[in-house]
Amino acid sequence: MTKEELIKQCRYFKGEAGNPYTGKDQDKSMFWDYERMWVEQGGVYEDPEVAQDKYLESPCIAKIKKEDAWWSVPVSLQILLFNRYVYWLGGYAHIERDLENYVKWLRRTYIGEIYVI
C-alpha cells in the first residue's frame, strides 16, 4: 500500500509534519503519533509478544462480527494500539483480560462507540 492509502485508513494522522493535537487533546495526540508511526512503518507492525494469528484467534476478538466498526481499523494498527494499551494501561492481568479491556477502551476512545462486552 502507498503512504497515501495508509493515511486514508487513519482517523487522526493526515500526513502533517507536526501533531495538531499537541496541548489540545491528549488522546487524539497519542493516536496521531501511533498512526504516524504505523504509516511510516508501511502499515506493518509485528509485536513480538502477540502474533497476528493468535490475536485474531483470541475469544474476545474472534467473536466480533465482520461487519462491525471494529474491522474499520486495520489489524496491524489494532495490534500496535494493543501493544501501547498494555504498556500504558494494562499488563497487570492475563492477556485475555487485557484484550477484553482493550476492546472496550479502543471502542470508547478511538472508534468512538459506547459499547460494553
PDB file of N, CA and C in Angstrom:
ATOM      1  N   MET A   1       0.823  -1.182   0.000  1.00  0.00           N
ATOM      2  CA  MET A   1       0.000   0.000   0.000  1.00  0.00           C
ATOM      3  C   MET A   1       0.874   1.254   0.000  1.00  0.00           C
ATOM      4  N   THR A   2       0.379   2.278  -0.645  1.00  0.00           N
ATOM      5  CA  THR A   2       1.116   3.535  -0.653  1.00  0.00           C
ATOM      6  C   THR A   2       0.887   4.282   0.662  1.00  0.00           C
ATOM      7  N   LYS A   3       1.733   5.248   0.905  1.00  0.00           N
ATOM      8  CA  LYS A   3       1.593   6.075   2.107  1.00  0.00           C
ATOM      9  C   LYS A   3       0.225   6.765   2.116  1.00  0.00           C
ATOM     10  N   GLU A   4      -0.208   7.238   0.976  1.00  0.00           N
ATOM     11  CA  GLU A   4      -1.496   7.920   0.863  1.00  0.00           C
ATOM     12  C   GLU A   4      -2.652   6.973   1.187  1.00  0.00           C
ATOM     13  N   GLU A   5      -2.559   5.726   0.728  1.00  0.00           N
ATOM     14  CA  GLU A   5      -3.602   4.740   1.025  1.00  0.00           C
ATOM     15  C   GLU A   5      -3.649   4.419   2.521  1.00  0.00           C
ATOM     16  N   LEU A   6      -2.478   4.344   3.138  1.00  0.00           N
ATOM     17  CA  LEU A   6      -2.427   4.090   4.581  1.00  0.00           C
ATOM     18  C   LEU A   6      -3.016   5.267   5.358  1.00  0.00           C
ATOM     19  N   ILE A   7      -2.676   6.476   4.954  1.00  0.00           N
ATOM     20  CA  ILE A   7      -3.187   7.667   5.634  1.00  0.00           C
ATOM     21  C   ILE A   7      -4.710   7.714   5.580  1.00  0.00           C
ATOM     22  N   LYS A   8      -5.298   7.278   4.482  1.00  0.00           N
ATOM     23  CA  LYS A   8      -6.766   7.254   4.364  1.00  0.00           C
ATOM     24  C   LYS A   8      -7.408   6.352   5.409  1.00  0.00           C
ATOM     25  N   GLN A   9      -6.665   5.393   5.937  1.00  0.00           N
ATOM     26  CA  GLN A   9      -7.193   4.480   6.945  1.00  0.00           C
ATOM     27  C   GLN A   9      -7.037   5.022   8.367  1.00  0.00           C
ATOM     28  N   CYS A  10      -6.393   6.164   8.488  1.00  0.00           N
ATOM     29  CA  CYS A  10      -6.158   6.769   9.800  1.00  0.00           C
ATOM     30  C   CYS A  10      -7.296   7.711  10.172  1.00  0.00           C
ATOM     31  N   ARG A  11      -7.570   7.804  11.440  1.00  0.00           N
ATOM     32  CA  ARG A  11      -8.575   8.721  11.945  1.00  0.00           C
ATOM     33  C   ARG A  11      -7.976  10.088  12.291  1.00  0.00           C
ATOM     34  N   TYR A  12      -6.718  10.130  12.678  1.00  0.00           N
ATOM     35  CA  TYR A  12      -6.114  11.363  13.176  1.00  0.00           C
ATOM     36  C   TYR A  12      -4.927  11.846  12.341  1.00  0.00           C
ATOM     37  N   PHE A  13      -4.033  10.963  11.967  1.00  0.00           N
ATOM     38  CA  PHE A  13      -2.864  11.350  11.186  1.00  0.00           C
ATOM     39  C   PHE A  13      -3.268  11.533   9.731  1.00  0.00           C
ATOM     40  N   LYS A  14      -3.023  12.736   9.210  1.00  0.00           N
ATOM     41  CA  LYS A  14      -3.371  13.052   7.823  1.00  0.00           C
ATOM     42  C   LYS A  14      -2.143  13.447   7.011  1.00  0.00           C
ATOM     43  N   GLY A  15      -0.966  13.074   7.521  1.00  0.00           N
ATOM     44  CA  GLY A  15       0.268  13.359   6.805  1.00  0.00           C
ATOM     45  C   GLY A  15       0.956  14.643   7.234  1.00  0.00           C
ATOM     46  N   GLU A  16       0.436  15.293   8.259  1.00  0.00           N
ATOM     47  CA  GLU A  16       1.024  16.543   8.725  1.00  0.00           C
ATOM     48  C   GLU A  16       2.442  16.315   9.249  1.00  0.00           C
ATOM     49  N   ALA A  17       3.243  17.388   9.195  1.00  0.00           N
ATOM     50  CA  ALA A  17       4.612  17.321   9.721  1.00  0.00           C
ATOM     51  C   ALA A  17       4.619  17.355  11.237  1.00  0.00           C
ATOM     52  N   GLY A  18       3.662  18.056  11.826  1.00  0.00           N
ATOM     53  CA  GLY A  18       3.584  18.163  13.283  1.00  0.00           C
ATOM     54  C   GLY A  18       2.221  17.731  13.783  1.00  0.00           C
ATOM     55  N   ASN A  19       2.171  17.326  15.030  1.00  0.00           N
ATOM     56  CA  ASN A  19       0.943  16.841  15.640  1.00  0.00           C
ATOM     57  C   ASN A  19       0.017  18.023  15.973  1.00  0.00           C
ATOM     58  N   PRO A  20      -1.137  18.124  15.294  1.00  0.00           N
ATOM     59  CA  PRO A  20      -2.042  19.251  15.533  1.00  0.00           C
ATOM     60  C   PRO A  20      -2.798  19.152  16.864  1.00  0.00           C
ATOM     61  N   TYR A  21      -2.715  18.015  17.541  1.00  0.00           N
ATOM     62  CA  TYR A  21      -3.448  17.811  18.794  1.00  0.00           C
ATOM     63  C   TYR A  21      -2.601  18.065  20.036  1.00  0.00           C
ATOM     64  N   THR A  22      -1.305  18.290  19.852  1.00  0.00           N
ATOM     65  CA  THR A  22      -0.424  18.523  20.991  1.00  0.00           C
ATOM     66  C   THR A  22      -0.917  19.711  21.809  1.00  0.00           C
ATOM     67  N   GLY A  23      -1.075  19.465  23.112  1.00  0.00           N
ATOM     68  CA  GLY A  23      -1.524  20.516  24.016  1.00  0.00           C
ATOM     69  C   GLY A  23      -3.015  20.792  23.975  1.00  0.00           C
ATOM     70  N   LYS A  24      -3.740  20.063  23.130  1.00  0.00           N
ATOM     71  CA  LYS A  24      -5.187  20.287  22.981  1.00  0.00           C
ATOM     72  C   LYS A  24      -6.000  19.080  23.434  1.00  0.00           C
ATOM     73  N   ASP A  25      -5.571  17.890  23.030  1.00  0.00           N
ATOM     74  CA  ASP A  25      -6.313  16.671  23.350  1.00  0.00           C
ATOM     75  C   ASP A  25      -5.308  15.520  23.459  1.00  0.00           C
ATOM     76  N   GLN A  26      -5.099  15.055  24.670  1.00  0.00           N
ATOM     77  CA  GLN A  26      -4.073  14.038  24.920  1.00  0.00           C
ATOM     78  C   GLN A  26      -4.341  12.733  24.173  1.00  0.00           C
ATOM     79  N   ASP A  27      -5.594  12.260  24.178  1.00  0.00           N
ATOM     80  CA  ASP A  27      -5.907  11.005  23.483  1.00  0.00           C
ATOM     81  C   ASP A  27      -5.685  11.129  21.983  1.00  0.00           C
ATOM     82  N   LYS A  28      -6.205  12.189  21.382  1.00  0.00           N
ATOM     83  CA  LYS A  28      -6.039  12.376  19.939  1.00  0.00           C
ATOM     84  C   LYS A  28      -4.574  12.544  19.577  1.00  0.00           C
ATOM     85  N   SER A  29      -3.823  13.239  20.426  1.00  0.00           N
ATOM     86  CA  SER A  29      -2.392  13.421  20.190  1.00  0.00           C
ATOM     87  C   SER A  29      -1.668  12.080  20.195  1.00  0.00           C
ATOM     88  N   MET A  30      -2.023  11.227  21.146  1.00  0.00           N
ATOM     89  CA  MET A  30      -1.421   9.902  21.255  1.00  0.00           C
ATOM     90  C   MET A  30      -1.768   9.058  20.019  1.00  0.00           C
ATOM     91  N   PHE A  31      -3.052   9.052  19.632  1.00  0.00           N
ATOM     92  CA  PHE A  31      -3.454   8.266  18.465  1.00  0.00           C
ATOM     93  C   PHE A  31      -2.783   8.802  17.198  1.00  0.00           C
ATOM     94  N   TRP A  32      -2.650  10.120  17.072  1.00  0.00           N
ATOM     95  CA  TRP A  32      -1.968  10.708  15.917  1.00  0.00           C
ATOM     96  C   TRP A  32      -0.546  10.171  15.839  1.00  0.00           C
ATOM     97  N   ASP A  33       0.171  10.162  16.976  1.00  0.00           N
ATOM     98  CA  ASP A  33       1.552   9.661  16.997  1.00  0.00           C
ATOM     99  C   ASP A  33       1.631   8.190  16.598  1.00  0.00           C
ATOM    100  N   TYR A  34       0.732   7.379  17.123  1.00  0.00           N
ATOM    101  CA  TYR A  34       0.769   5.947  16.805  1.00  0.00           C
ATOM    102  C   TYR A  34       0.400   5.683  15.349  1.00  0.00           C
ATOM    103  N   GLU A  35      -0.584   6.425  14.822  1.00  0.00           N
ATOM    104  CA  GLU A  35      -0.920   6.271  13.403  1.00  0.00           C
ATOM    105  C   GLU A  35       0.245   6.706  12.520  1.00  0.00           C
ATOM    106  N   ARG A  36       0.906   7.814  12.867  1.00  0.00           N
ATOM    107  CA  ARG A  36       2.065   8.276  12.103  1.00  0.00           C
ATOM    108  C   ARG A  36       3.139   7.190  12.078  1.00  0.00           C
ATOM    109  N   MET A  37       3.405   6.591  13.236  1.00  0.00           N
ATOM    110  CA  MET A  37       4.402   5.529  13.322  1.00  0.00           C
ATOM    111  C   MET A  37       3.990   4.352  12.434  1.00  0.00           C
ATOM    112  N   TRP A  38       2.719   3.991  12.475  1.00  0.00           N
ATOM    113  CA  TRP A  38       2.202   2.877  11.680  1.00  0.00           C
ATOM    114  C   TRP A  38       2.362   3.171  10.180  1.00  0.00           C
ATOM    115  N   VAL A  39       2.037   4.383   9.761  1.00  0.00           N
ATOM    116  CA  VAL A  39       2.187   4.772   8.349  1.00  0.00           C
ATOM    117  C   VAL A  39       3.662   4.749   7.948  1.00  0.00           C
ATOM    118  N   GLU A  40       4.526   5.295   8.800  1.00  0.00           N
ATOM    119  CA  GLU A  40       5.959   5.329   8.488  1.00  0.00           C
ATOM    120  C   GLU A  40       6.561   3.930   8.403  1.00  0.00           C
ATOM    121  N   GLN A  41       5.951   2.960   9.085  1.00  0.00           N
ATOM    122  CA  GLN A  41       6.421   1.577   9.009  1.00  0.00           C
ATOM    123  C   GLN A  41       5.754   0.822   7.859  1.00  0.00           C
ATOM    124  N   GLY A  42       5.066   1.547   7.001  1.00  0.00           N
ATOM    125  CA  GLY A  42       4.439   0.931   5.835  1.00  0.00           C
ATOM    126  C   GLY A  42       3.185   0.143   6.150  1.00  0.00           C
ATOM    127  N   GLY A  43       2.530   0.460   7.274  1.00  0.00           N
ATOM    128  CA  GLY A  43       1.316  -0.255   7.662  1.00  0.00           C
ATOM    129  C   GLY A  43       1.592  -1.629   8.228  1.00  0.00           C
ATOM    130  N   VAL A  44       2.845  -1.853   8.567  1.00  0.00           N
ATOM    131  CA  VAL A  44       3.246  -3.154   9.106  1.00  0.00           C
ATOM    132  C   VAL A  44       3.631  -2.962  10.569  1.00  0.00           C
ATOM    133  N   TYR A  45       3.098  -3.809  11.407  1.00  0.00           N
ATOM    134  CA  TYR A  45       3.527  -3.815  12.803  1.00  0.00           C
ATOM    135  C   TYR A  45       3.473  -5.248  13.288  1.00  0.00           C
ATOM    136  N   GLU A  46       4.579  -5.739  13.743  1.00  0.00           N
ATOM    137  CA  GLU A  46       4.642  -7.097  14.281  1.00  0.00           C
ATOM    138  C   GLU A  46       5.088  -7.010  15.731  1.00  0.00           C
ATOM    139  N   ASP A  47       4.241  -7.493  16.608  1.00  0.00           N
ATOM    140  CA  ASP A  47       4.528  -7.467  18.039  1.00  0.00           C
ATOM    141  C   ASP A  47       5.174  -8.788  18.422  1.00  0.00           C
ATOM    142  N   PRO A  48       6.343  -8.751  19.041  1.00  0.00           N
ATOM    143  CA  PRO A  48       6.995  -9.998  19.425  1.00  0.00           C
ATOM    144  C   PRO A  48       6.223 -10.777  20.485  1.00  0.00           C
ATOM    145  N   GLU A  49       5.343 -10.104  21.195  1.00  0.00           N
ATOM    146  CA  GLU A  49       4.562 -10.757  22.258  1.00  0.00           C
ATOM    147  C   GLU A  49       3.212 -11.280  21.767  1.00  0.00           C
ATOM    148  N   VAL A  50       2.660 -10.646  20.730  1.00  0.00           N
ATOM    149  CA  VAL A  50       1.317 -11.003  20.261  1.00  0.00           C
ATOM    150  C   VAL A  50       1.340 -11.173  18.749  1.00  0.00           C
ATOM    151  N   ALA A  51       1.401 -12.405  18.300  1.00  0.00           N
ATOM    152  CA  ALA A  51       1.383 -12.686  16.865  1.00  0.00           C
ATOM    153  C   ALA A  51      -0.019 -12.411  16.316  1.00  0.00           C
ATOM    154  N   GLN A  52      -0.088 -11.973  15.065  1.00  0.00           N
ATOM    155  CA  GLN A  52      -1.374 -11.618  14.468  1.00  0.00           C
ATOM    156  C   GLN A  52      -2.374 -12.764  14.509  1.00  0.00           C
ATOM    157  N   ASP A  53      -1.948 -13.980  14.189  1.00  0.00           N
ATOM    158  CA  ASP A  53      -2.900 -15.096  14.186  1.00  0.00           C
ATOM    159  C   ASP A  53      -3.432 -15.380  15.588  1.00  0.00           C
ATOM    160  N   LYS A  54      -2.598 -15.289  16.603  1.00  0.00           N
ATOM    161  CA  LYS A  54      -3.044 -15.505  17.986  1.00  0.00           C
ATOM    162  C   LYS A  54      -3.994 -14.397  18.419  1.00  0.00           C
ATOM    163  N   TYR A  55      -3.701 -13.174  18.014  1.00  0.00           N
ATOM    164  CA  TYR A  55      -4.568 -12.036  18.322  1.00  0.00           C
ATOM    165  C   TYR A  55      -5.957 -12.270  17.725  1.00  0.00           C
ATOM    166  N   LEU A  56      -6.010 -12.628  16.442  1.00  0.00           N
ATOM    167  CA  LEU A  56      -7.288 -12.826  15.761  1.00  0.00           C
ATOM    168  C   LEU A  56      -8.060 -14.027  16.303  1.00  0.00           C
ATOM    169  N   GLU A  57      -7.345 -15.019  16.832  1.00  0.00           N
ATOM    170  CA  GLU A  57      -7.983 -16.218  17.376  1.00  0.00           C
ATOM    171  C   GLU A  57      -8.445 -16.054  18.819  1.00  0.00           C
ATOM    172  N   SER A  58      -8.010 -15.008  19.494  1.00  0.00           N
ATOM    173  CA  SER A  58      -8.401 -14.834  20.890  1.00  0.00           C
ATOM    174  C   SER A  58      -9.921 -14.672  20.965  1.00  0.00           C
ATOM    175  N   PRO A  59     -10.561 -15.268  21.969  1.00  0.00           N
ATOM    176  CA  PRO A  59     -12.027 -15.268  22.038  1.00  0.00           C
ATOM    177  C   PRO A  59     -12.685 -13.892  21.939  1.00  0.00           C
ATOM    178  N   CYS A  60     -12.134 -12.890  22.595  1.00  0.00           N
ATOM    179  CA  CYS A  60     -12.809 -11.589  22.573  1.00  0.00           C
ATOM    180  C   CYS A  60     -12.674 -10.890  21.222  1.00  0.00           C
ATOM    181  N   ILE A  61     -11.666 -11.214  20.436  1.00  0.00           N
ATOM    182  CA  ILE A  61     -11.519 -10.642  19.091  1.00  0.00           C
ATOM    183  C   ILE A  61     -12.293 -11.483  18.084  1.00  0.00           C
ATOM    184  N   ALA A  62     -12.175 -12.795  18.200  1.00  0.00           N
ATOM    185  CA  ALA A  62     -12.818 -13.712  17.243  1.00  0.00           C
ATOM    186  C   ALA A  62     -14.343 -13.573  17.233  1.00  0.00           C
ATOM    187  N   LYS A  63     -14.931 -13.172  18.344  1.00  0.00           N
ATOM    188  CA  LYS A  63     -16.398 -13.085  18.394  1.00  0.00           C
ATOM    189  C   LYS A  63     -16.947 -11.783  17.792  1.00  0.00           C
ATOM    190  N   ILE A  64     -16.083 -10.850  17.425  1.00  0.00           N
ATOM    191  CA  ILE A  64     -16.542  -9.587  16.837  1.00  0.00           C
ATOM    192  C   ILE A  64     -16.968  -9.843  15.390  1.00  0.00           C
ATOM    193  N   LYS A  65     -18.192  -9.506  15.086  1.00  0.00           N
ATOM    194  CA  LYS A  65     -18.736  -9.768  13.752  1.00  0.00           C
ATOM    195  C   LYS A  65     -17.980  -8.975  12.692  1.00  0.00           C
ATOM    196  N   LYS A  66     -17.837  -9.566  11.523  1.00  0.00           N
ATOM    197  CA  LYS A  66     -17.041  -8.970  10.442  1.00  0.00           C
ATOM    198  C   LYS A  66     -17.586  -7.634   9.947  1.00  0.00           C
ATOM    199  N   GLU A  67     -18.881  -7.381  10.115  1.00  0.00           N
ATOM    200  CA  GLU A  67     -19.435  -6.100   9.666  1.00  0.00           C
ATOM    201  C   GLU A  67     -19.343  -5.021  10.751  1.00  0.00           C
ATOM    202  N   ASP A  68     -18.806  -5.370  11.876  1.00  0.00           N
ATOM    203  CA  ASP A  68     -18.651  -4.440  12.995  1.00  0.00           C
ATOM    204  C   ASP A  68     -17.670  -3.326  12.648  1.00  0.00           C
ATOM    205  N   ALA A  69     -17.892  -2.138  13.214  1.00  0.00           N
ATOM    206  CA  ALA A  69     -16.992  -0.996  13.003  1.00  0.00           C
ATOM    207  C   ALA A  69     -15.571  -1.294  13.469  1.00  0.00           C
ATOM    208  N   TRP A  70     -15.417  -2.271  14.335  1.00  0.00           N
ATOM    209  CA  TRP A  70     -14.093  -2.670  14.820  1.00  0.00           C
ATOM    210  C   TRP A  70     -13.141  -2.945  13.666  1.00  0.00           C
ATOM    211  N   TRP A  71     -13.647  -3.581  12.617  1.00  0.00           N
ATOM    212  CA  TRP A  71     -12.800  -4.004  11.499  1.00  0.00           C
ATOM    213  C   TRP A  71     -12.478  -2.865  10.543  1.00  0.00           C
ATOM    214  N   SER A  72     -12.960  -1.651  10.827  1.00  0.00           N
ATOM    215  CA  SER A  72     -12.533  -0.488  10.037  1.00  0.00           C
ATOM    216  C   SER A  72     -11.110  -0.077  10.413  1.00  0.00           C
ATOM    217  N   VAL A  73     -10.611  -0.629  11.513  1.00  0.00           N
ATOM    218  CA  VAL A  73      -9.238  -0.384  11.953  1.00  0.00           C
ATOM    219  C   VAL A  73      -8.381  -1.543  11.451  1.00  0.00           C
ATOM    220  N   PRO A  74      -7.366  -1.295  10.625  1.00  0.00           N
ATOM    221  CA  PRO A  74      -6.522  -2.382  10.119  1.00  0.00           C
ATOM    222  C   PRO A  74      -5.937  -3.209  11.274  1.00  0.00           C
ATOM    223  N   VAL A  75      -5.856  -4.511  11.070  1.00  0.00           N
ATOM    224  CA  VAL A  75      -5.403  -5.420  12.125  1.00  0.00           C
ATOM    225  C   VAL A  75      -4.006  -5.056  12.634  1.00  0.00           C
ATOM    226  N   SER A  76      -3.094  -4.714  11.742  1.00  0.00           N
ATOM    227  CA  SER A  76      -1.740  -4.372  12.204  1.00  0.00           C
ATOM    228  C   SER A  76      -1.762  -3.110  13.076  1.00  0.00           C
ATOM    229  N   LEU A  77      -2.658  -2.177  12.784  1.00  0.00           N
ATOM    230  CA  LEU A  77      -2.799  -0.993  13.631  1.00  0.00           C
ATOM    231  C   LEU A  77      -3.460  -1.371  14.961  1.00  0.00           C
ATOM    232  N   GLN A  78      -4.427  -2.270  14.923  1.00  0.00           N
ATOM    233  CA  GLN A  78      -5.033  -2.759  16.173  1.00  0.00           C
ATOM    234  C   GLN A  78      -3.966  -3.346  17.096  1.00  0.00           C
ATOM    235  N   ILE A  79      -3.074  -4.132  16.524  1.00  0.00           N
ATOM    236  CA  ILE A  79      -2.043  -4.780  17.332  1.00  0.00           C
ATOM    237  C   ILE A  79      -1.063  -3.743  17.884  1.00  0.00           C
ATOM    238  N   LEU A  80      -0.709  -2.757  17.087  1.00  0.00           N
ATOM    239  CA  LEU A  80       0.142  -1.674  17.584  1.00  0.00           C
ATOM    240  C   LEU A  80      -0.546  -0.961  18.746  1.00  0.00           C
ATOM    241  N   LEU A  81      -1.825  -0.643  18.590  1.00  0.00           N
ATOM    242  CA  LEU A  81      -2.559   0.044  19.656  1.00  0.00           C
ATOM    243  C   LEU A  81      -2.717  -0.847  20.883  1.00  0.00           C
ATOM    244  N   PHE A  82      -2.855  -2.155  20.676  1.00  0.00           N
ATOM    245  CA  PHE A  82      -2.917  -3.069  21.819  1.00  0.00           C
ATOM    246  C   PHE A  82      -1.590  -3.073  22.565  1.00  0.00           C
ATOM    247  N   ASN A  83      -0.492  -3.079  21.830  1.00  0.00           N
ATOM    248  CA  ASN A  83       0.826  -3.028  22.456  1.00  0.00           C
ATOM    249  C   ASN A  83       0.944  -1.784  23.334  1.00  0.00           C
ATOM    250  N   ARG A  84       0.521  -0.654  22.806  1.00  0.00           N
ATOM    251  CA  ARG A  84       0.599   0.593  23.555  1.00  0.00           C
ATOM    252  C   ARG A  84      -0.377   0.604  24.733  1.00  0.00           C
ATOM    253  N   TYR A  85      -1.552  -0.016  24.535  1.00  0.00           N
ATOM    254  CA  TYR A  85      -2.526  -0.116  25.632  1.00  0.00           C
ATOM    255  C   TYR A  85      -1.925  -0.901  26.798  1.00  0.00           C
ATOM    256  N   VAL A  86      -1.341  -2.044  26.497  1.00  0.00           N
ATOM    257  CA  VAL A  86      -0.750  -2.868  27.554  1.00  0.00           C
ATOM    258  C   VAL A  86       0.391  -2.122  28.241  1.00  0.00           C
ATOM    259  N   TYR A  87       1.180  -1.389  27.472  1.00  0.00           N
ATOM    260  CA  TYR A  87       2.293  -0.642  28.049  1.00  0.00           C
ATOM    261  C   TYR A  87       1.796   0.417  29.031  1.00  0.00           C
ATOM    262  N   TRP A  88       0.759   1.165  28.637  1.00  0.00           N
ATOM    263  CA  TRP A  88       0.293   2.294  29.450  1.00  0.00           C
ATOM    264  C   TRP A  88      -0.786   1.916  30.454  1.00  0.00           C
ATOM    265  N   LEU A  89      -1.692   1.006  30.091  1.00  0.00           N
ATOM    266  CA  LEU A  89      -2.881   0.782  30.921  1.00  0.00           C
ATOM    267  C   LEU A  89      -3.082  -0.659  31.372  1.00  0.00           C
ATOM    268  N   GLY A  90      -2.385  -1.591  30.775  1.00  0.00           N
ATOM    269  CA  GLY A  90      -2.640  -2.996  31.088  1.00  0.00           C
ATOM    270  C   GLY A  90      -1.419  -3.678  31.643  1.00  0.00           C
ATOM    271  N   GLY A  91      -1.310  -4.944  31.312  1.00  0.00           N
ATOM    272  CA  GLY A  91      -0.151  -5.710  31.729  1.00  0.00           C
ATOM    273  C   GLY A  91      -0.219  -6.237  33.144  1.00  0.00           C
ATOM    274  N   TYR A  92      -1.360  -6.039  33.792  1.00  0.00           N
ATOM    275  CA  TYR A  92      -1.490  -6.481  35.174  1.00  0.00           C
ATOM    276  C   TYR A  92      -2.325  -7.750  35.307  1.00  0.00           C
ATOM    277  N   ALA A  93      -2.897  -8.182  34.195  1.00  0.00           N
ATOM    278  CA  ALA A  93      -3.784  -9.341  34.212  1.00  0.00           C
ATOM    279  C   ALA A  93      -3.352 -10.306  33.112  1.00  0.00           C
ATOM    280  N   HIS A  94      -4.053 -11.410  33.037  1.00  0.00           N
ATOM    281  CA  HIS A  94      -3.846 -12.368  31.953  1.00  0.00           C
ATOM    282  C   HIS A  94      -4.130 -11.650  30.633  1.00  0.00           C
ATOM    283  N   ILE A  95      -3.471 -12.062  29.567  1.00  0.00           N
ATOM    284  CA  ILE A  95      -3.597 -11.375  28.278  1.00  0.00           C
ATOM    285  C   ILE A  95      -5.045 -11.327  27.788  1.00  0.00           C
ATOM    286  N   GLU A  96      -5.839 -12.376  28.059  1.00  0.00           N
ATOM    287  CA  GLU A  96      -7.248 -12.359  27.632  1.00  0.00           C
ATOM    288  C   GLU A  96      -8.013 -11.237  28.332  1.00  0.00           C
ATOM    289  N   ARG A  97      -7.727 -11.034  29.598  1.00  0.00           N
ATOM    290  CA  ARG A  97      -8.380  -9.946  30.341  1.00  0.00           C
ATOM    291  C   ARG A  97      -7.929  -8.591  29.785  1.00  0.00           C
ATOM    292  N   ASP A  98      -6.634  -8.472  29.493  1.00  0.00           N
ATOM    293  CA  ASP A  98      -6.142  -7.239  28.870  1.00  0.00           C
ATOM    294  C   ASP A  98      -6.826  -6.998  27.527  1.00  0.00           C
ATOM    295  N   LEU A  99      -7.012  -8.057  26.733  1.00  0.00           N
ATOM    296  CA  LEU A  99      -7.684  -7.905  25.438  1.00  0.00           C
ATOM    297  C   LEU A  99      -9.132  -7.449  25.611  1.00  0.00           C
ATOM    298  N   GLU A 100      -9.835  -8.019  26.577  1.00  0.00           N
ATOM    299  CA  GLU A 100     -11.228  -7.616  26.829  1.00  0.00           C
ATOM    300  C   GLU A 100     -11.291  -6.130  27.179  1.00  0.00           C
ATOM    301  N   ASN A 101     -10.417  -5.700  28.063  1.00  0.00           N
ATOM    302  CA  ASN A 101     -10.397  -4.296  28.469  1.00  0.00           C
ATOM    303  C   ASN A 101      -9.951  -3.388  27.318  1.00  0.00           C
ATOM    304  N   TYR A 102      -9.026  -3.873  26.518  1.00  0.00           N
ATOM    305  CA  TYR A 102      -8.544  -3.119  25.358  1.00  0.00           C
ATOM    306  C   TYR A 102      -9.674  -2.888  24.349  1.00  0.00           C
ATOM    307  N   VAL A 103     -10.465  -3.919  24.084  1.00  0.00           N
ATOM    308  CA  VAL A 103     -11.581  -3.779  23.140  1.00  0.00           C
ATOM    309  C   VAL A 103     -12.527  -2.682  23.618  1.00  0.00           C
ATOM    310  N   LYS A 104     -12.880  -2.698  24.889  1.00  0.00           N
ATOM    311  CA  LYS A 104     -13.768  -1.660  25.440  1.00  0.00           C
ATOM    312  C   LYS A 104     -13.126  -0.279  25.309  1.00  0.00           C
ATOM    313  N   TRP A 105     -11.847  -0.194  25.668  1.00  0.00           N
ATOM    314  CA  TRP A 105     -11.120   1.078  25.625  1.00  0.00           C
ATOM    315  C   TRP A 105     -11.024   1.620  24.199  1.00  0.00           C
ATOM    316  N   LEU A 106     -10.652   0.748  23.250  1.00  0.00           N
ATOM    317  CA  LEU A 106     -10.487   1.208  21.867  1.00  0.00           C
ATOM    318  C   LEU A 106     -11.816   1.641  21.269  1.00  0.00           C
ATOM    319  N   ARG A 107     -12.865   0.930  21.581  1.00  0.00           N
ATOM    320  CA  ARG A 107     -14.192   1.320  21.088  1.00  0.00           C
ATOM    321  C   ARG A 107     -14.570   2.701  21.620  1.00  0.00           C
ATOM    322  N   ARG A 108     -14.308   2.935  22.875  1.00  0.00           N
ATOM    323  CA  ARG A 108     -14.689   4.199  23.511  1.00  0.00           C
ATOM    324  C   ARG A 108     -13.807   5.361  23.050  1.00  0.00           C
ATOM    325  N   THR A 109     -12.497   5.154  22.995  1.00  0.00           N
ATOM    326  CA  THR A 109     -11.586   6.270  22.766  1.00  0.00           C
ATOM    327  C   THR A 109     -11.193   6.467  21.309  1.00  0.00           C
ATOM    328  N   TYR A 110     -11.143   5.412  20.530  1.00  0.00           N
ATOM    329  CA  TYR A 110     -10.637   5.512  19.153  1.00  0.00           C
ATOM    330  C   TYR A 110     -11.756   5.364  18.127  1.00  0.00           C
ATOM    331  N   ILE A 111     -12.556   4.339  18.282  1.00  0.00           N
ATOM    332  CA  ILE A 111     -13.633   4.110  17.326  1.00  0.00           C
ATOM    333  C   ILE A 111     -14.804   5.042  17.630  1.00  0.00           C
ATOM    334  N   GLY A 112     -14.943   5.434  18.899  1.00  0.00           N
ATOM    335  CA  GLY A 112     -15.977   6.392  19.275  1.00  0.00           C
ATOM    336  C   GLY A 112     -17.329   5.779  19.509  1.00  0.00           C
ATOM    337  N   GLU A 113     -17.355   4.567  20.009  1.00  0.00           N
ATOM    338  CA  GLU A 113     -18.608   3.893  20.301  1.00  0.00           C
ATOM    339  C   GLU A 113     -18.784   3.749  21.808  1.00  0.00           C
ATOM    340  N   ILE A 114     -20.012   3.709  22.212  1.00  0.00           N
ATOM    341  CA  ILE A 114     -20.310   3.319  23.593  1.00  0.00           C
ATOM    342  C   ILE A 114     -20.675   1.857  23.487  1.00  0.00           C
ATOM    343  N   TYR A 115     -19.854   1.020  24.065  1.00  0.00           N
ATOM    344  CA  TYR A 115     -20.018  -0.427  23.873  1.00  0.00           C
ATOM    345  C   TYR A 115     -19.541  -1.150  25.113  1.00  0.00           C
ATOM    346  N   VAL A 116     -20.291  -2.125  25.517  1.00  0.00           N
ATOM    347  CA  VAL A 116     -19.903  -2.950  26.653  1.00  0.00           C
ATOM    348  C   VAL A 116     -19.955  -4.403  26.211  1.00  0.00           C
ATOM    349  N   ILE A 117     -18.888  -5.127  26.481  1.00  0.00           N
ATOM    350  CA  ILE A 117     -18.863  -6.544  26.128  1.00  0.00           C
ATOM    351  C   ILE A 117     -19.697  -7.315  27.120  1.00  0.00           C
TER     352      ILE A 117
END
